[in-house]
C-alpha atoms as a PDB file:
ATOM      1  CA  MET A   1      -3.797  -7.687 -10.651  1.00  0.00           C
ATOM      2  CA  GLU A   2      -2.075 -10.924 -10.901  1.00  0.00           C
ATOM      3  CA  SER A   3      -1.860 -13.231  -8.111  1.00  0.00           C
ATOM      4  CA  ALA A   4       1.904 -13.176  -8.402  1.00  0.00           C
ATOM      5  CA  GLN A   5       1.942  -9.417  -8.293  1.00  0.00           C
ATOM      6  CA  CYS A   6      -0.191  -9.706  -5.274  1.00  0.00           C
ATOM      7  CA  ARG A   7       2.078 -12.051  -3.511  1.00  0.00           C
ATOM      8  CA  ASP A   8       5.050  -9.638  -4.104  1.00  0.00           C
ATOM      9  CA  LEU A   9       3.226  -6.539  -2.607  1.00  0.00           C
ATOM     10  CA  TYR A  10       2.349  -8.713   0.079  1.00  0.00           C
ATOM     11  CA  THR A  11       5.886  -9.727   0.601  1.00  0.00           C
ATOM     12  CA  GLU A  12       6.993  -6.260   0.576  1.00  0.00           C
ATOM     13  CA  LEU A  13       4.569  -5.116   3.127  1.00  0.00           C
ATOM     14  CA  THR A  14       4.803  -7.898   5.249  1.00  0.00           C
ATOM     15  CA  GLU A  15       8.668  -6.839   5.372  1.00  0.00           C
ATOM     16  CA  TYR A  16       7.721  -3.337   5.914  1.00  0.00           C
ATOM     17  CA  GLU A  17       5.604  -4.357   9.040  1.00  0.00           C
ATOM     18  CA  ARG A  18       8.064  -6.461  10.297  1.00  0.00           C
ATOM     19  CA  ARG A  19      11.006  -3.389  10.312  1.00  0.00           C
ATOM     20  CA  GLY A  20       8.245  -1.652  12.081  1.00  0.00           C
ATOM     21  CA  ILE A  21       7.075   0.526   9.532  1.00  0.00           C
ATOM     22  CA  ARG A  22       3.388   1.210   9.849  1.00  0.00           C
ATOM     23  CA  ILE A  23       0.908   1.005   7.229  1.00  0.00           C
ATOM     24  CA  LYS A  24      -2.173   2.497   6.455  1.00  0.00           C
ATOM     25  CA  MET A  25      -5.012   2.484   3.856  1.00  0.00           C
ATOM     26  CA  ASN A  26      -7.082   5.586   3.083  1.00  0.00           C
ATOM     27  CA  GLY A  27      -6.263   6.500   6.647  1.00  0.00           C
ATOM     28  CA  ASP A  28      -6.442   3.648   8.580  1.00  0.00           C
ATOM     29  CA  PRO A  29      -4.279   0.971   9.892  1.00  0.00           C
ATOM     30  CA  ALA A  30      -4.074  -1.801   7.366  1.00  0.00           C
ATOM     31  CA  SER A  31      -2.274  -5.128   7.354  1.00  0.00           C
ATOM     32  CA  PRO A  32      -0.590  -6.651   4.520  1.00  0.00           C
ATOM     33  CA  LEU A  33      -2.966  -8.758   3.696  1.00  0.00           C
ATOM     34  CA  GLN A  34      -5.831  -6.360   3.475  1.00  0.00           C
ATOM     35  CA  ILE A  35      -3.973  -4.344   0.902  1.00  0.00           C
ATOM     36  CA  ALA A  36      -2.977  -6.872  -1.163  1.00  0.00           C
ATOM     37  CA  SER A  37      -6.547  -8.483  -1.249  1.00  0.00           C
ATOM     38  CA  ALA A  38      -7.756  -4.627  -2.075  1.00  0.00           C
ATOM     39  CA  TYR A  39      -5.246  -4.679  -4.850  1.00  0.00           C
ATOM     40  CA  ALA A  40      -6.682  -8.245  -5.938  1.00  0.00           C
ATOM     41  CA  VAL A  41     -10.097  -7.537  -6.828  1.00  0.00           C
ATOM     42  CA  ARG A  42      -9.583  -4.342  -8.612  1.00  0.00           C
ATOM     43  CA  GLU A  43      -9.202  -4.588 -12.241  1.00  0.00           C
ATOM     44  CA  GLU A  44      -7.285  -1.575 -12.380  1.00  0.00           C
ATOM     45  CA  PRO A  45      -4.991  -0.638  -9.015  1.00  0.00           C
ATOM     46  CA  SER A  46      -6.075   2.522  -8.254  1.00  0.00           C
ATOM     47  CA  TYR A  47      -4.217   3.297  -5.123  1.00  0.00           C
ATOM     48  CA  MET A  48      -1.278   5.879  -4.824  1.00  0.00           C
ATOM     49  CA  ARG A  49       1.663   5.054  -2.194  1.00  0.00           C
ATOM     50  CA  ASP A  50       2.699   8.133  -0.432  1.00  0.00           C
ATOM     51  CA  TYR A  51       6.172   7.066   1.819  1.00  0.00           C
ATOM     52  CA  ILE A  52       6.271   9.150   5.256  1.00  0.00           C
ATOM     53  CA  ALA A  53      10.014   9.818   6.578  1.00  0.00           C
ATOM     54  CA  ASP A  54      11.108  10.713  10.110  1.00  0.00           C
ATOM     55  CA  ASP A  55      13.610  13.415  10.855  1.00  0.00           C
ATOM     56  CA  GLU A  56      16.318  11.263   9.615  1.00  0.00           C
ATOM     57  CA  GLY A  57      14.775  10.447   6.303  1.00  0.00           C
ATOM     58  CA  MET A  58      13.918   6.792   7.124  1.00  0.00           C
ATOM     59  CA  VAL A  59      10.589   5.458   5.910  1.00  0.00           C
ATOM     60  CA  LYS A  60       7.931   5.390   8.994  1.00  0.00           C
ATOM     61  CA  GLU A  61       4.964   4.750   7.466  1.00  0.00           C
ATOM     62  CA  VAL A  62       3.464   3.616   4.198  1.00  0.00           C
ATOM     63  CA  CYS A  63      -0.050   5.101   3.332  1.00  0.00           C
ATOM     64  CA  PHE A  64      -2.415   3.822   0.424  1.00  0.00           C
ATOM     65  CA  VAL A  65      -4.774   6.371  -1.089  1.00  0.00           C
ATOM     66  CA  GLU A  66      -7.248   5.375  -3.407  1.00  0.00           C
ATOM     67  CA  LEU A  67      -7.261   7.581  -6.037  1.00  0.00           C
ATOM     68  CA  GLU A  68     -10.855   8.649  -7.379  1.00  0.00           C
ATOM     69  CA  ASP A  69     -11.547   7.574 -10.850  1.00  0.00           C
ATOM     70  CA  ASP A  70     -11.095  11.299 -12.376  1.00  0.00           C
ATOM     71  CA  ASP A  71      -7.592  10.865 -10.832  1.00  0.00           C
ATOM     72  CA  VAL A  72      -6.905   7.292 -12.413  1.00  0.00           C
ATOM     73  CA  ARG A  73      -7.665   8.404 -15.828  1.00  0.00           C
ATOM     74  CA  ARG A  74      -4.751  11.226 -15.823  1.00  0.00           C
END
Protein backbone atom coordinates (compact mmCIF):
# COMPACT_ATOMS: atom_id res chain seq x y z
CA MET A 1 0.00 0.00 0.00
CA GLU A 2 1.36 3.42 -0.89
CA SER A 3 2.26 5.83 1.87
CA ALA A 4 -0.45 8.29 0.80
CA GLN A 5 -3.08 5.54 1.14
CA CYS A 6 -1.75 4.59 4.58
CA ARG A 7 -1.81 8.23 5.64
CA ASP A 8 -5.40 8.57 4.41
CA LEU A 9 -6.42 5.40 6.26
CA TYR A 10 -4.73 6.64 9.43
CA THR A 11 -6.51 10.00 9.15
CA GLU A 12 -9.88 8.31 8.58
CA LEU A 13 -9.45 5.97 11.54
CA THR A 14 -8.20 8.77 13.78
CA GLU A 15 -11.44 10.63 13.06
CA TYR A 16 -13.48 7.54 13.98
CA GLU A 17 -11.50 7.23 17.20
CA ARG A 18 -12.02 10.93 17.98
CA ARG A 19 -15.77 10.41 17.59
CA GLY A 20 -15.69 7.56 20.11
CA ILE A 21 -16.08 4.77 17.56
CA ARG A 22 -14.27 1.63 18.64
CA ILE A 23 -11.73 0.15 16.25
CA LYS A 24 -10.73 -3.50 16.28
CA MET A 25 -8.44 -5.73 14.28
CA ASN A 26 -9.09 -9.48 14.31
CA GLY A 27 -11.31 -9.06 17.36
CA ASP A 28 -8.88 -7.05 19.47
CA PRO A 29 -8.89 -3.29 20.12
CA ALA A 30 -6.45 -1.55 17.79
CA SER A 31 -5.22 1.98 17.25
CA PRO A 32 -5.31 3.79 13.91
CA LEU A 33 -1.51 3.50 13.79
CA GLN A 34 -1.59 -0.28 14.31
CA ILE A 35 -4.06 -0.76 11.48
CA ALA A 36 -2.33 1.62 9.06
CA SER A 37 0.99 -0.08 9.83
CA ALA A 38 -0.51 -3.53 9.19
CA TYR A 39 -1.79 -2.32 5.83
CA ALA A 40 1.57 -0.75 4.97
CA VAL A 41 3.54 -3.98 5.34
CA ARG A 42 1.16 -6.13 3.26
CA GLU A 43 1.78 -6.50 -0.47
CA GLU A 44 -1.96 -6.79 -1.01
CA PRO A 45 -4.33 -5.45 1.62
CA SER A 46 -6.20 -8.50 2.81
CA TYR A 47 -8.43 -7.05 5.50
CA MET A 48 -12.17 -6.76 5.26
CA ARG A 49 -13.91 -3.89 7.02
CA ASP A 50 -17.00 -4.60 9.02
CA TYR A 51 -19.06 -1.65 10.24
CA ILE A 52 -21.15 -2.34 13.36
CA ALA A 53 -24.12 -0.02 13.92
CA ASP A 54 -26.06 0.82 17.07
CA ASP A 55 -29.86 0.67 17.35
CA GLU A 56 -30.20 4.07 15.63
CA GLY A 57 -28.05 2.97 12.66
CA MET A 58 -24.99 4.98 13.66
CA VAL A 59 -21.58 3.35 13.35
CA LYS A 60 -20.33 2.33 16.79
CA GLU A 61 -17.46 0.07 15.79
CA VAL A 62 -15.21 -0.61 12.81
CA CYS A 63 -13.65 -4.05 12.67
CA PHE A 64 -10.83 -5.12 10.38
CA VAL A 65 -10.71 -8.86 9.82
CA GLU A 66 -7.74 -10.48 8.13
CA LEU A 67 -8.85 -12.66 5.25
CA GLU A 68 -7.36 -16.06 4.54
CA ASP A 69 -5.34 -16.37 1.31
CA ASP A 70 -8.21 -18.31 -0.32
CA ASP A 71 -10.66 -15.49 0.50
CA VAL A 72 -8.37 -12.86 -1.04
CA ARG A 73 -8.12 -14.68 -4.38
CA ARG A 74 -11.90 -14.88 -4.86
